Amino acid sequence: IRAGWVVGEMALLDGGPRSATVECLGGTRVARLAATDFDILVREHPDIACHVLRRIGRMLSLRLRRMSSLCT
């Protein structure tokens, strides 16, 4: 995982359990956004929520493209 990457985003989107666990080997800064806080963000600051969703969408797309390239 690289700087700026998101982990656990699928649970934020679909309400299911997180499918990833992360263990840090070095210095790390982490920001956590609980689903309830994201819901508040959507209602009160939709422009920021849109930015978060676009970033998640780009990351999911990159991961899917990477996995697809491994299958072909």
Protein backbone atom coordinates (compact mmCIF):
# COMPACT_ATOMS: atom_id res chain seq x y z
CA ILE A 1 0.00 0.00 0.00
CA ARG A 2 1.30 3.42 -0.90
CA ALA A 3 0.89 6.85 0.64
CA GLY A 4 -2.61 8.17 0.15
CA TRP A 5 -4.20 4.78 -0.46
CA VAL A 6 -7.49 3.75 1.08
CA VAL A 7 -8.18 0.48 2.90
CA GLY A 8 -11.61 -0.81 3.90
CA GLU A 9 -13.45 1.35 1.39
CA MET A 10 -15.80 -1.40 0.23
CA ALA A 11 -17.29 -1.64 3.73
CA LEU A 12 -17.91 2.11 3.63
CA LEU A 13 -19.79 1.74 0.35
CA ASP A 14 -21.76 -1.46 0.87
CA GLY A 15 -22.11 -1.70 4.64
CA GLY A 16 -20.49 -5.14 4.74
CA PRO A 17 -17.56 -6.19 6.91
CA ARG A 18 -14.10 -4.93 6.03
CA SER A 19 -12.31 -7.35 3.74
CA ALA A 20 -8.79 -6.11 4.50
CA THR A 21 -6.46 -5.99 7.45
CA VAL A 22 -3.35 -3.82 7.46
CA GLU A 23 -0.21 -4.10 9.53
CA CYS A 24 2.25 -1.20 9.42
CA LEU A 25 5.97 -1.89 9.38
CA GLY A 26 7.12 1.70 9.71
CA GLY A 27 5.95 5.18 10.58
CA THR A 28 2.40 5.74 9.44
CA ARG A 29 -0.27 8.41 9.55
CA VAL A 30 -3.80 7.09 9.40
CA ALA A 31 -7.17 8.78 9.01
CA ARG A 32 -10.30 6.82 9.86
CA LEU A 33 -13.74 7.63 8.52
CA ALA A 34 -16.57 5.66 10.13
CA ALA A 35 -19.67 4.96 8.05
CA THR A 36 -21.80 7.13 10.33
CA ASP A 37 -19.36 10.02 9.90
CA PHE A 38 -19.38 9.51 6.13
CA ASP A 39 -23.19 9.73 6.15
CA ILE A 40 -22.93 13.06 7.97
CA LEU A 41 -20.30 14.21 5.47
CA VAL A 42 -22.63 13.37 2.57
CA ARG A 43 -25.47 15.38 4.10
CA GLU A 44 -23.52 18.38 5.36
CA HIS A 45 -20.61 18.63 2.88
CA PRO A 46 -21.61 16.89 -0.36
CA ASP A 47 -18.74 18.48 -2.29
CA ILE A 48 -16.18 16.87 0.03
CA ALA A 49 -18.07 13.57 0.00
CA CYS A 50 -18.02 13.64 -3.81
CA HIS A 51 -14.23 14.06 -3.74
CA VAL A 52 -13.89 11.09 -1.36
CA LEU A 53 -16.15 8.93 -3.56
CA ARG A 54 -14.21 9.82 -6.70
CA ARG A 55 -10.94 8.90 -5.03
CA ILE A 56 -12.40 5.58 -3.86
CA GLY A 57 -13.78 4.96 -7.35
CA ARG A 58 -10.37 5.59 -8.96
CA MET A 59 -8.67 3.25 -6.52
CA LEU A 60 -11.24 0.49 -7.06
CA SER A 61 -10.90 0.93 -10.81
CA LEU A 62 -7.10 0.68 -10.62
CA ARG A 63 -7.33 -2.47 -8.53
CA LEU A 64 -9.85 -4.06 -10.89
CA ARG A 65 -7.75 -3.20 -13.96
CA ARG A 66 -4.67 -4.65 -12.28
CA MET A 67 -6.48 -7.87 -11.41
CA SER A 68 -7.95 -8.10 -14.92
CA SER A 69 -4.50 -7.77 -16.47
CA LEU A 70 -3.28 -10.68 -14.33
CA CYS A 71 -6.12 -12.88 -15.61
CA THR A 72 -5.43 -12.36 -19.31
